[in-house]
C-alpha cells in the first residue's frame, strides 16, 4: 500500500512539474541566467510606425560622464546638452542609440558638426571612447545616432552609461 501511495505521489509531482516553466531553473543550473534575462528583455519593445523597435527611452542622467570631443580632445558638448537617449533597433541601423538634444544642445551640435566636416567627433564616457563617427555634413535636426552595436547586451551597456 505504501508503494502505491508513493508511486501516486511521484506521478502527481511529475504532472505538476510538467505544468511548470522550468527554463529559469535550467538556465540557472547551466549558468545561462544572464543570457535568458537578456533574451526576455529584448522581447520587450515597442514597434514604432517606421518598423523600428524602441527598447528603452529615458532622460540623460545629470551625473553621466558623456562628452562629445573633437579630434584634438576639446569638449564640444556634454550630458547636459542631451535631453533623451533611446535604445533602438532597425533593419537599416541594426542596434543603435539615438540622442535627442536640448534646444541649446541642438544649436551646439549643429555648430560642432559644421566645423568638423570630414573629421571625427568622439563620443566618450570618461576616457573610454564609445563611438567615433566621421562627420559628413552639418546635422541640424537635433538628433544623433550611435550605432552598429553587436547585440542587445552591448546596446544596453551603452544606453546605461547615459542614464546612470
Protein backbone atom coordinates (compact mmCIF):
# COMPACT_ATOMS: atom_id res chain seq x y z
CA UNK A 1 0.00 0.00 0.00
CA UNK A 2 2.84 2.36 0.87
CA UNK A 3 4.44 1.67 -2.51
CA UNK A 4 1.25 2.52 -4.34
CA UNK A 5 0.83 5.77 -2.40
CA UNK A 6 4.49 6.59 -3.06
CA UNK A 7 4.08 5.98 -6.81
CA UNK A 8 0.91 8.09 -6.91
CA UNK A 9 2.74 10.90 -5.11
CA UNK A 10 5.60 10.75 -7.63
CA UNK A 11 3.17 10.75 -10.56
CA UNK A 12 1.33 13.76 -9.13
CA UNK A 13 4.64 15.55 -8.58
CA UNK A 14 5.79 14.84 -12.15
CA UNK A 15 2.48 16.04 -13.55
CA UNK A 16 2.69 19.27 -11.57
CA UNK A 17 6.29 19.83 -12.69
CA UNK A 18 5.37 19.32 -16.32
CA UNK A 19 2.94 22.22 -15.99
CA UNK A 20 5.69 24.47 -14.61
CA UNK A 21 8.10 26.53 -16.67
CA UNK A 22 11.47 25.03 -15.77
CA UNK A 23 13.52 27.26 -18.12
CA UNK A 24 14.57 29.70 -15.35
CA UNK A 25 15.75 26.77 -13.21
CA UNK A 26 17.56 25.07 -16.09
CA UNK A 27 19.15 28.36 -17.18
CA UNK A 28 20.38 28.98 -13.62
CA UNK A 29 21.85 25.47 -13.41
CA UNK A 30 23.57 25.89 -16.80
CA UNK A 31 24.81 29.40 -15.99
CA UNK A 32 22.64 30.94 -18.70
CA UNK A 33 20.57 33.09 -16.38
CA UNK A 34 22.01 36.38 -17.72
CA UNK A 35 21.50 35.29 -21.33
CA UNK A 36 17.93 34.23 -20.61
CA UNK A 37 17.21 37.55 -18.89
CA UNK A 38 18.67 39.50 -21.84
CA UNK A 39 16.58 37.47 -24.28
CA UNK A 40 13.49 38.13 -22.17
CA UNK A 41 14.27 41.87 -22.02
CA UNK A 42 14.96 42.03 -25.74
CA UNK A 43 11.47 40.79 -26.44
CA UNK A 44 10.02 43.77 -24.57
CA UNK A 45 9.88 46.57 -27.11
CA UNK A 46 7.51 48.94 -28.78
CA UNK A 47 7.32 48.85 -32.56
CA UNK A 48 7.24 52.37 -33.98
CA UNK A 49 5.37 53.41 -37.14
CA UNK A 50 8.52 53.05 -39.27
CA UNK A 51 9.12 49.48 -38.04
CA UNK A 52 11.88 50.50 -35.63
CA UNK A 53 11.96 48.69 -32.29
CA UNK A 54 12.18 51.01 -29.27
CA UNK A 55 13.56 49.13 -26.27
CA UNK A 56 14.03 51.99 -23.83
CA UNK A 57 13.89 55.78 -23.80
CA UNK A 58 15.00 57.92 -20.89
CA UNK A 59 16.26 61.29 -19.81
CA UNK A 60 20.03 61.51 -19.59
CA UNK A 61 21.39 61.48 -16.06
CA UNK A 62 22.91 64.76 -14.88
CA UNK A 63 25.71 62.62 -13.44
CA UNK A 64 26.54 60.97 -16.78
CA UNK A 65 30.14 61.49 -17.87
CA UNK A 66 29.28 61.51 -21.58
CA UNK A 67 31.21 64.06 -23.63
CA UNK A 68 31.47 64.88 -27.32
CA UNK A 69 35.05 65.78 -28.25
CA UNK A 70 36.75 66.93 -31.42
CA UNK A 71 39.89 65.21 -32.71
CA UNK A 72 42.06 67.49 -30.56
CA UNK A 73 40.19 66.45 -27.40
CA UNK A 74 38.26 69.72 -26.99
CA UNK A 75 34.86 69.18 -25.35
CA UNK A 76 32.10 70.24 -27.74
CA UNK A 77 29.04 69.01 -25.80
CA UNK A 78 28.32 67.00 -22.66
CA UNK A 79 25.45 65.16 -20.98
CA UNK A 80 23.70 68.43 -20.10
CA UNK A 81 23.16 69.03 -23.84
CA UNK A 82 21.30 65.72 -24.31
CA UNK A 83 17.61 65.60 -23.41
CA UNK A 84 16.71 61.98 -24.25
CA UNK A 85 18.53 58.78 -25.10
CA UNK A 86 16.81 55.83 -26.80
CA UNK A 87 17.92 52.24 -27.32
CA UNK A 88 16.60 51.07 -30.70
CA UNK A 89 16.88 48.53 -33.49
CA UNK A 90 16.03 48.86 -37.18
CA UNK A 91 16.71 46.97 -40.40
CA UNK A 92 18.80 49.91 -41.62
CA UNK A 93 20.84 50.74 -38.49
CA UNK A 94 20.82 47.45 -36.56
CA UNK A 95 21.14 48.11 -32.80
CA UNK A 96 21.74 51.79 -32.12
CA UNK A 97 21.46 54.64 -29.65
CA UNK A 98 19.55 57.75 -30.65
CA UNK A 99 20.25 61.01 -28.86
CA UNK A 100 17.87 63.96 -28.81
CA UNK A 101 19.49 67.25 -27.86
CA UNK A 102 18.12 70.14 -25.82
CA UNK A 103 17.48 73.37 -27.75
CA UNK A 104 20.91 74.68 -26.75
CA UNK A 105 22.47 71.29 -27.48
CA UNK A 106 20.81 71.23 -30.90
CA UNK A 107 22.47 74.54 -31.79
CA UNK A 108 25.83 73.49 -30.33
CA UNK A 109 25.71 70.12 -32.14
CA UNK A 110 24.87 71.82 -35.45
CA UNK A 111 27.87 74.15 -34.96
CA UNK A 112 30.12 71.25 -33.94
CA UNK A 113 29.18 69.16 -36.97
CA UNK A 114 29.51 72.14 -39.35
CA UNK A 115 33.00 72.91 -38.01
CA UNK A 116 34.14 69.26 -38.12
CA UNK A 117 33.00 68.06 -41.56
CA UNK A 118 35.40 65.34 -42.71
CA UNK A 119 36.68 64.87 -39.15
CA UNK A 120 35.76 62.63 -36.23
CA UNK A 121 33.68 63.65 -33.26
CA UNK A 122 34.40 61.26 -30.42
CA UNK A 123 31.62 60.32 -28.05
CA UNK A 124 33.36 59.43 -24.82
CA UNK A 125 32.43 58.18 -21.38
CA UNK A 126 35.24 59.48 -19.24
CA UNK A 127 38.33 58.36 -21.16
CA UNK A 128 36.57 55.46 -22.92
CA UNK A 129 35.56 56.29 -26.49
CA UNK A 130 32.13 54.82 -27.27
CA UNK A 131 31.89 55.99 -30.86
CA UNK A 132 33.99 57.99 -33.33
CA UNK A 133 31.84 58.86 -36.32
CA UNK A 134 33.24 60.93 -39.16
CA UNK A 135 31.05 63.95 -39.81
CA UNK A 136 29.78 64.04 -43.41
CA UNK A 137 27.57 67.10 -43.13
CA UNK A 138 26.11 69.58 -40.68
CA UNK A 139 23.40 67.97 -38.57
CA UNK A 140 20.65 70.42 -37.71
CA UNK A 141 17.71 68.25 -36.63
CA UNK A 142 18.91 67.90 -33.03
CA UNK A 143 19.43 64.13 -33.22
CA UNK A 144 22.49 61.92 -33.33
CA UNK A 145 22.81 58.18 -33.88
CA UNK A 146 25.49 55.98 -32.35
CA UNK A 147 25.30 52.61 -33.96
CA UNK A 148 26.43 49.24 -35.15
CA UNK A 149 26.32 47.57 -31.75
CA UNK A 150 26.75 43.80 -31.94
CA UNK A 151 23.65 42.90 -29.96
CA UNK A 152 21.11 43.82 -27.35
CA UNK A 153 23.51 43.35 -24.43
CA UNK A 154 26.09 45.76 -25.86
CA UNK A 155 23.31 48.23 -26.74
CA UNK A 156 22.04 48.25 -23.16
CA UNK A 157 25.54 48.67 -21.70
CA UNK A 158 25.96 51.87 -23.74
CA UNK A 159 22.40 53.03 -23.00
CA UNK A 160 23.01 52.63 -19.27
CA UNK A 161 26.11 54.84 -19.44
CA UNK A 162 23.79 57.70 -20.42
CA UNK A 163 21.13 57.13 -17.78
CA UNK A 164 23.13 56.08 -14.68
